[in-house]
Amino acid sequence: MINVPPLDDRVLTALERNPYLAHRNLRFETASGRVTLKGIVSSYFQKQMAQEAIRYVDGVSEIANELEVCWG
């Protein structure tokens, strides 16, 4: 039997490994395969990269990207 980490752990790992999101204070919630991203990023590119970082994580079936872009 293969020991698969919980979805929260897999999502956190994917976000931490993305170089465009390093040191960002992103939060997320998971429920039944749905991941809701929350927090503040400094560009629309980072907002998109956060979503792309978790798009192919096993167990993610839906992403709600509620990240806010704050320019300054």
PDB file of N, CA and C in Angstrom:
ATOM      1  N   MET A   1       0.831  -1.186   0.000  1.00  0.00           N
ATOM      2  CA  MET A   1       0.000   0.000   0.000  1.00  0.00           C
ATOM      3  C   MET A   1       0.879   1.253   0.000  1.00  0.00           C
ATOM      4  N   ILE A   2       0.582   2.177  -0.893  1.00  0.00           N
ATOM      5  CA  ILE A   2       1.343   3.420  -0.984  1.00  0.00           C
ATOM      6  C   ILE A   2       0.725   4.449  -0.050  1.00  0.00           C
ATOM      7  N   ASN A   3       1.570   5.111   0.719  1.00  0.00           N
ATOM      8  CA  ASN A   3       1.111   6.125   1.653  1.00  0.00           C
ATOM      9  C   ASN A   3       1.090   7.483   0.941  1.00  0.00           C
ATOM     10  N   VAL A   4      -0.102   7.990   0.611  1.00  0.00           N
ATOM     11  CA  VAL A   4      -0.257   9.258  -0.099  1.00  0.00           C
ATOM     12  C   VAL A   4      -0.509  10.363   0.920  1.00  0.00           C
ATOM     13  N   PRO A   5       0.261  11.457   0.847  1.00  0.00           N
ATOM     14  CA  PRO A   5       0.051  12.552   1.794  1.00  0.00           C
ATOM     15  C   PRO A   5      -1.332  13.185   1.606  1.00  0.00           C
ATOM     16  N   PRO A   6      -1.861  13.811   2.661  1.00  0.00           N
ATOM     17  CA  PRO A   6      -3.148  14.502   2.544  1.00  0.00           C
ATOM     18  C   PRO A   6      -3.102  15.609   1.481  1.00  0.00           C
ATOM     19  N   LEU A   7      -4.264  15.960   0.961  1.00  0.00           N
ATOM     20  CA  LEU A   7      -4.345  16.982  -0.085  1.00  0.00           C
ATOM     21  C   LEU A   7      -3.732  18.294   0.377  1.00  0.00           C
ATOM     22  N   ASP A   8      -3.963  18.687   1.617  1.00  0.00           N
ATOM     23  CA  ASP A   8      -3.374  19.933   2.128  1.00  0.00           C
ATOM     24  C   ASP A   8      -1.852  19.930   1.970  1.00  0.00           C
ATOM     25  N   ASP A   9      -1.233  18.817   2.297  1.00  0.00           N
ATOM     26  CA  ASP A   9       0.227  18.714   2.199  1.00  0.00           C
ATOM     27  C   ASP A   9       0.695  18.781   0.754  1.00  0.00           C
ATOM     28  N   ARG A  10      -0.021  18.135  -0.146  1.00  0.00           N
ATOM     29  CA  ARG A  10       0.365  18.143  -1.561  1.00  0.00           C
ATOM     30  C   ARG A  10       0.233  19.539  -2.159  1.00  0.00           C
ATOM     31  N   VAL A  11      -0.835  20.264  -1.794  1.00  0.00           N
ATOM     32  CA  VAL A  11      -1.031  21.627  -2.294  1.00  0.00           C
ATOM     33  C   VAL A  11       0.059  22.542  -1.734  1.00  0.00           C
ATOM     34  N   LEU A  12       0.336  22.450  -0.441  1.00  0.00           N
ATOM     35  CA  LEU A  12       1.367  23.277   0.171  1.00  0.00           C
ATOM     36  C   LEU A  12       2.724  23.043  -0.489  1.00  0.00           C
ATOM     37  N   THR A  13       3.066  21.804  -0.733  1.00  0.00           N
ATOM     38  CA  THR A  13       4.336  21.472  -1.383  1.00  0.00           C
ATOM     39  C   THR A  13       4.409  22.082  -2.780  1.00  0.00           C
ATOM     40  N   ALA A  14       3.321  21.984  -3.542  1.00  0.00           N
ATOM     41  CA  ALA A  14       3.304  22.536  -4.904  1.00  0.00           C
ATOM     42  C   ALA A  14       3.491  24.054  -4.877  1.00  0.00           C
ATOM     43  N   LEU A  15       2.856  24.736  -3.946  1.00  0.00           N
ATOM     44  CA  LEU A  15       2.995  26.196  -3.849  1.00  0.00           C
ATOM     45  C   LEU A  15       4.405  26.587  -3.414  1.00  0.00           C
ATOM     46  N   GLU A  16       4.959  25.847  -2.451  1.00  0.00           N
ATOM     47  CA  GLU A  16       6.302  26.163  -1.948  1.00  0.00           C
ATOM     48  C   GLU A  16       7.383  25.921  -3.001  1.00  0.00           C
ATOM     49  N   ARG A  17       7.161  24.987  -3.893  1.00  0.00           N
ATOM     50  CA  ARG A  17       8.164  24.654  -4.908  1.00  0.00           C
ATOM     51  C   ARG A  17       8.133  25.598  -6.111  1.00  0.00           C
ATOM     52  N   ASN A  18       7.108  26.423  -6.205  1.00  0.00           N
ATOM     53  CA  ASN A  18       6.995  27.332  -7.343  1.00  0.00           C
ATOM     54  C   ASN A  18       7.872  28.555  -7.099  1.00  0.00           C
ATOM     55  N   PRO A  19       8.887  28.785  -7.943  1.00  0.00           N
ATOM     56  CA  PRO A  19       9.825  29.895  -7.702  1.00  0.00           C
ATOM     57  C   PRO A  19       9.177  31.281  -7.792  1.00  0.00           C
ATOM     58  N   TYR A  20       8.059  31.400  -8.477  1.00  0.00           N
ATOM     59  CA  TYR A  20       7.390  32.693  -8.611  1.00  0.00           C
ATOM     60  C   TYR A  20       6.589  33.067  -7.372  1.00  0.00           C
ATOM     61  N   LEU A  21       6.439  32.114  -6.475  1.00  0.00           N
ATOM     62  CA  LEU A  21       5.623  32.354  -5.287  1.00  0.00           C
ATOM     63  C   LEU A  21       6.440  32.316  -4.003  1.00  0.00           C
ATOM     64  N   ALA A  22       7.753  32.281  -4.128  1.00  0.00           N
ATOM     65  CA  ALA A  22       8.624  32.179  -2.966  1.00  0.00           C
ATOM     66  C   ALA A  22       8.334  33.307  -1.974  1.00  0.00           C
ATOM     67  N   HIS A  23       8.222  32.933  -0.728  1.00  0.00           N
ATOM     68  CA  HIS A  23       8.049  33.872   0.387  1.00  0.00           C
ATOM     69  C   HIS A  23       6.733  34.652   0.317  1.00  0.00           C
ATOM     70  N   ARG A  24       5.757  34.143  -0.369  1.00  0.00           N
ATOM     71  CA  ARG A  24       4.422  34.770  -0.407  1.00  0.00           C
ATOM     72  C   ARG A  24       3.612  34.208   0.754  1.00  0.00           C
ATOM     73  N   ASN A  25       2.804  35.034   1.339  1.00  0.00           N
ATOM     74  CA  ASN A  25       1.946  34.590   2.437  1.00  0.00           C
ATOM     75  C   ASN A  25       0.595  34.166   1.871  1.00  0.00           C
ATOM     76  N   LEU A  26       0.593  33.047   1.186  1.00  0.00           N
ATOM     77  CA  LEU A  26      -0.636  32.536   0.586  1.00  0.00           C
ATOM     78  C   LEU A  26      -1.302  31.569   1.550  1.00  0.00           C
ATOM     79  N   ARG A  27      -2.616  31.593   1.539  1.00  0.00           N
ATOM     80  CA  ARG A  27      -3.393  30.663   2.338  1.00  0.00           C
ATOM     81  C   ARG A  27      -4.286  29.877   1.390  1.00  0.00           C
ATOM     82  N   PHE A  28      -4.741  28.752   1.857  1.00  0.00           N
ATOM     83  CA  PHE A  28      -5.663  27.972   1.036  1.00  0.00           C
ATOM     84  C   PHE A  28      -6.508  27.096   1.938  1.00  0.00           C
ATOM     85  N   GLU A  29      -7.640  26.711   1.406  1.00  0.00           N
ATOM     86  CA  GLU A  29      -8.527  25.769   2.075  1.00  0.00           C
ATOM     87  C   GLU A  29      -8.828  24.650   1.090  1.00  0.00           C
ATOM     88  N   THR A  30      -8.962  23.446   1.611  1.00  0.00           N
ATOM     89  CA  THR A  30      -9.333  22.323   0.753  1.00  0.00           C
ATOM     90  C   THR A  30     -10.593  21.663   1.311  1.00  0.00           C
ATOM     91  N   ALA A  31     -11.448  21.243   0.413  1.00  0.00           N
ATOM     92  CA  ALA A  31     -12.662  20.510   0.799  1.00  0.00           C
ATOM     93  C   ALA A  31     -13.148  19.709  -0.403  1.00  0.00           C
ATOM     94  N   SER A  32     -13.122  18.409  -0.277  1.00  0.00           N
ATOM     95  CA  SER A  32     -13.642  17.504  -1.322  1.00  0.00           C
ATOM     96  C   SER A  32     -13.050  17.781  -2.704  1.00  0.00           C
ATOM     97  N   GLY A  33     -11.748  18.004  -2.766  1.00  0.00           N
ATOM     98  CA  GLY A  33     -11.081  18.229  -4.047  1.00  0.00           C
ATOM     99  C   GLY A  33     -11.077  19.667  -4.513  1.00  0.00           C
ATOM    100  N   ARG A  34     -11.799  20.539  -3.835  1.00  0.00           N
ATOM    101  CA  ARG A  34     -11.838  21.962  -4.195  1.00  0.00           C
ATOM    102  C   ARG A  34     -10.794  22.702  -3.357  1.00  0.00           C
ATOM    103  N   VAL A  35      -9.960  23.491  -4.023  1.00  0.00           N
ATOM    104  CA  VAL A  35      -8.952  24.292  -3.342  1.00  0.00           C
ATOM    105  C   VAL A  35      -9.288  25.762  -3.545  1.00  0.00           C
ATOM    106  N   THR A  36      -9.374  26.500  -2.460  1.00  0.00           N
ATOM    107  CA  THR A  36      -9.610  27.935  -2.513  1.00  0.00           C
ATOM    108  C   THR A  36      -8.333  28.648  -2.107  1.00  0.00           C
ATOM    109  N   LEU A  37      -7.776  29.421  -3.040  1.00  0.00           N
ATOM    110  CA  LEU A  37      -6.554  30.187  -2.783  1.00  0.00           C
ATOM    111  C   LEU A  37      -6.933  31.553  -2.231  1.00  0.00           C
ATOM    112  N   LYS A  38      -6.223  31.989  -1.180  1.00  0.00           N
ATOM    113  CA  LYS A  38      -6.488  33.280  -0.561  1.00  0.00           C
ATOM    114  C   LYS A  38      -5.166  33.961  -0.238  1.00  0.00           C
ATOM    115  N   GLY A  39      -5.212  35.286  -0.181  1.00  0.00           N
ATOM    116  CA  GLY A  39      -4.018  36.043   0.150  1.00  0.00           C
ATOM    117  C   GLY A  39      -3.808  37.174  -0.835  1.00  0.00           C
ATOM    118  N   ILE A  40      -2.619  37.751  -0.770  1.00  0.00           N
ATOM    119  CA  ILE A  40      -2.279  38.899  -1.612  1.00  0.00           C
ATOM    120  C   ILE A  40      -0.997  38.598  -2.378  1.00  0.00           C
ATOM    121  N   VAL A  41      -1.016  38.900  -3.662  1.00  0.00           N
ATOM    122  CA  VAL A  41       0.170  38.780  -4.513  1.00  0.00           C
ATOM    123  C   VAL A  41       0.403  40.129  -5.179  1.00  0.00           C
ATOM    124  N   SER A  42       1.583  40.312  -5.768  1.00  0.00           N
ATOM    125  CA  SER A  42       1.922  41.625  -6.319  1.00  0.00           C
ATOM    126  C   SER A  42       1.700  41.749  -7.819  1.00  0.00           C
ATOM    127  N   SER A  43       1.215  40.670  -8.461  1.00  0.00           N
ATOM    128  CA  SER A  43       0.955  40.767  -9.897  1.00  0.00           C
ATOM    129  C   SER A  43      -0.064  39.710 -10.327  1.00  0.00           C
ATOM    130  N   TYR A  44      -0.686  39.968 -11.468  1.00  0.00           N
ATOM    131  CA  TYR A  44      -1.610  38.985 -12.026  1.00  0.00           C
ATOM    132  C   TYR A  44      -0.858  37.728 -12.455  1.00  0.00           C
ATOM    133  N   PHE A  45       0.406  37.885 -12.815  1.00  0.00           N
ATOM    134  CA  PHE A  45       1.243  36.741 -13.167  1.00  0.00           C
ATOM    135  C   PHE A  45       1.366  35.794 -11.967  1.00  0.00           C
ATOM    136  N   GLN A  46       1.640  36.351 -10.785  1.00  0.00           N
ATOM    137  CA  GLN A  46       1.757  35.511  -9.592  1.00  0.00           C
ATOM    138  C   GLN A  46       0.425  34.844  -9.260  1.00  0.00           C
ATOM    139  N   LYS A  47      -0.663  35.563  -9.463  1.00  0.00           N
ATOM    140  CA  LYS A  47      -1.979  34.981  -9.221  1.00  0.00           C
ATOM    141  C   LYS A  47      -2.184  33.760 -10.110  1.00  0.00           C
ATOM    142  N   GLN A  48      -1.827  33.909 -11.382  1.00  0.00           N
ATOM    143  CA  GLN A  48      -1.964  32.798 -12.322  1.00  0.00           C
ATOM    144  C   GLN A  48      -1.002  31.658 -11.990  1.00  0.00           C
ATOM    145  N   MET A  49       0.219  31.983 -11.587  1.00  0.00           N
ATOM    146  CA  MET A  49       1.204  30.954 -11.250  1.00  0.00           C
ATOM    147  C   MET A  49       0.763  30.130 -10.042  1.00  0.00           C
ATOM    148  N   ALA A  50       0.105  30.767  -9.093  1.00  0.00           N
ATOM    149  CA  ALA A  50      -0.402  30.023  -7.935  1.00  0.00           C
ATOM    150  C   ALA A  50      -1.428  28.990  -8.380  1.00  0.00           C
ATOM    151  N   GLN A  51      -2.283  29.393  -9.274  1.00  0.00           N
ATOM    152  CA  GLN A  51      -3.301  28.478  -9.787  1.00  0.00           C
ATOM    153  C   GLN A  51      -2.656  27.358 -10.591  1.00  0.00           C
ATOM    154  N   GLU A  52      -1.712  27.707 -11.437  1.00  0.00           N
ATOM    155  CA  GLU A  52      -1.036  26.697 -12.261  1.00  0.00           C
ATOM    156  C   GLU A  52      -0.221  25.728 -11.404  1.00  0.00           C
ATOM    157  N   ALA A  53       0.327  26.210 -10.292  1.00  0.00           N
ATOM    158  CA  ALA A  53       1.150  25.358  -9.426  1.00  0.00           C
ATOM    159  C   ALA A  53       0.358  24.182  -8.872  1.00  0.00           C
ATOM    160  N   ILE A  54      -0.946  24.378  -8.675  1.00  0.00           N
ATOM    161  CA  ILE A  54      -1.733  23.301  -8.073  1.00  0.00           C
ATOM    162  C   ILE A  54      -2.676  22.607  -9.057  1.00  0.00           C
ATOM    163  N   ARG A  55      -2.684  23.080 -10.287  1.00  0.00           N
ATOM    164  CA  ARG A  55      -3.626  22.538 -11.289  1.00  0.00           C
ATOM    165  C   ARG A  55      -3.531  21.017 -11.433  1.00  0.00           C
ATOM    166  N   TYR A  56      -2.338  20.468 -11.417  1.00  0.00           N
ATOM    167  CA  TYR A  56      -2.169  19.036 -11.666  1.00  0.00           C
ATOM    168  C   TYR A  56      -1.839  18.237 -10.405  1.00  0.00           C
ATOM    169  N   VAL A  57      -2.080  18.831  -9.250  1.00  0.00           N
ATOM    170  CA  VAL A  57      -1.874  18.094  -8.001  1.00  0.00           C
ATOM    171  C   VAL A  57      -2.950  17.011  -7.911  1.00  0.00           C
ATOM    172  N   ASP A  58      -2.516  15.803  -7.637  1.00  0.00           N
ATOM    173  CA  ASP A  58      -3.449  14.685  -7.528  1.00  0.00           C
ATOM    174  C   ASP A  58      -4.480  14.965  -6.434  1.00  0.00           C
ATOM    175  N   GLY A  59      -5.756  14.877  -6.796  1.00  0.00           N
ATOM    176  CA  GLY A  59      -6.821  15.103  -5.830  1.00  0.00           C
ATOM    177  C   GLY A  59      -7.507  16.448  -5.977  1.00  0.00           C
ATOM    178  N   VAL A  60      -6.900  17.371  -6.746  1.00  0.00           N
ATOM    179  CA  VAL A  60      -7.510  18.680  -6.968  1.00  0.00           C
ATOM    180  C   VAL A  60      -8.455  18.575  -8.164  1.00  0.00           C
ATOM    181  N   SER A  61      -9.731  18.841  -7.921  1.00  0.00           N
ATOM    182  CA  SER A  61     -10.711  18.774  -9.002  1.00  0.00           C
ATOM    183  C   SER A  61     -11.260  20.147  -9.367  1.00  0.00           C
ATOM    184  N   GLU A  62     -11.075  21.124  -8.483  1.00  0.00           N
ATOM    185  CA  GLU A  62     -11.589  22.477  -8.734  1.00  0.00           C
ATOM    186  C   GLU A  62     -10.722  23.481  -7.985  1.00  0.00           C
ATOM    187  N   ILE A  63     -10.503  24.646  -8.607  1.00  0.00           N
ATOM    188  CA  ILE A  63      -9.702  25.702  -7.985  1.00  0.00           C
ATOM    189  C   ILE A  63     -10.503  26.995  -7.978  1.00  0.00           C
ATOM    190  N   ALA A  64     -10.626  27.591  -6.814  1.00  0.00           N
ATOM    191  CA  ALA A  64     -11.233  28.919  -6.686  1.00  0.00           C
ATOM    192  C   ALA A  64     -10.103  29.877  -6.343  1.00  0.00           C
ATOM    193  N   ASN A  65      -9.725  30.707  -7.302  1.00  0.00           N
ATOM    194  CA  ASN A  65      -8.596  31.617  -7.115  1.00  0.00           C
ATOM    195  C   ASN A  65      -9.115  32.958  -6.603  1.00  0.00           C
ATOM    196  N   GLU A  66      -9.057  33.145  -5.290  1.00  0.00           N
ATOM    197  CA  GLU A  66      -9.519  34.385  -4.652  1.00  0.00           C
ATOM    198  C   GLU A  66      -8.349  35.273  -4.248  1.00  0.00           C
ATOM    199  N   LEU A  67      -7.184  35.053  -4.846  1.00  0.00           N
ATOM    200  CA  LEU A  67      -6.026  35.899  -4.545  1.00  0.00           C
ATOM    201  C   LEU A  67      -6.277  37.325  -5.004  1.00  0.00           C
ATOM    202  N   GLU A  68      -5.837  38.277  -4.199  1.00  0.00           N
ATOM    203  CA  GLU A  68      -5.969  39.688  -4.538  1.00  0.00           C
ATOM    204  C   GLU A  68      -4.620  40.198  -5.054  1.00  0.00           C
ATOM    205  N   VAL A  69      -4.669  41.047  -6.073  1.00  0.00           N
ATOM    206  CA  VAL A  69      -3.450  41.648  -6.607  1.00  0.00           C
ATOM    207  C   VAL A  69      -3.330  43.044  -6.014  1.00  0.00           C
ATOM    208  N   CYS A  70      -2.222  43.282  -5.331  1.00  0.00           N
ATOM    209  CA  CYS A  70      -1.962  44.583  -4.712  1.00  0.00           C
ATOM    210  C   CYS A  70      -0.640  45.097  -5.277  1.00  0.00           C
ATOM    211  N   TRP A  71      -0.684  46.187  -5.982  1.00  0.00           N
ATOM    212  CA  TRP A  71       0.483  46.694  -6.704  1.00  0.00           C
ATOM    213  C   TRP A  71       1.519  47.340  -5.797  1.00  0.00           C
ATOM    214  N   GLY A  72       1.174  47.733  -4.623  1.00  0.00           N
ATOM    215  CA  GLY A  72       2.175  48.476  -3.895  1.00  0.00           C
ATOM    216  C   GLY A  72       2.309  48.151  -2.497  1.00  0.00           C
TER     217      GLY A  72
END
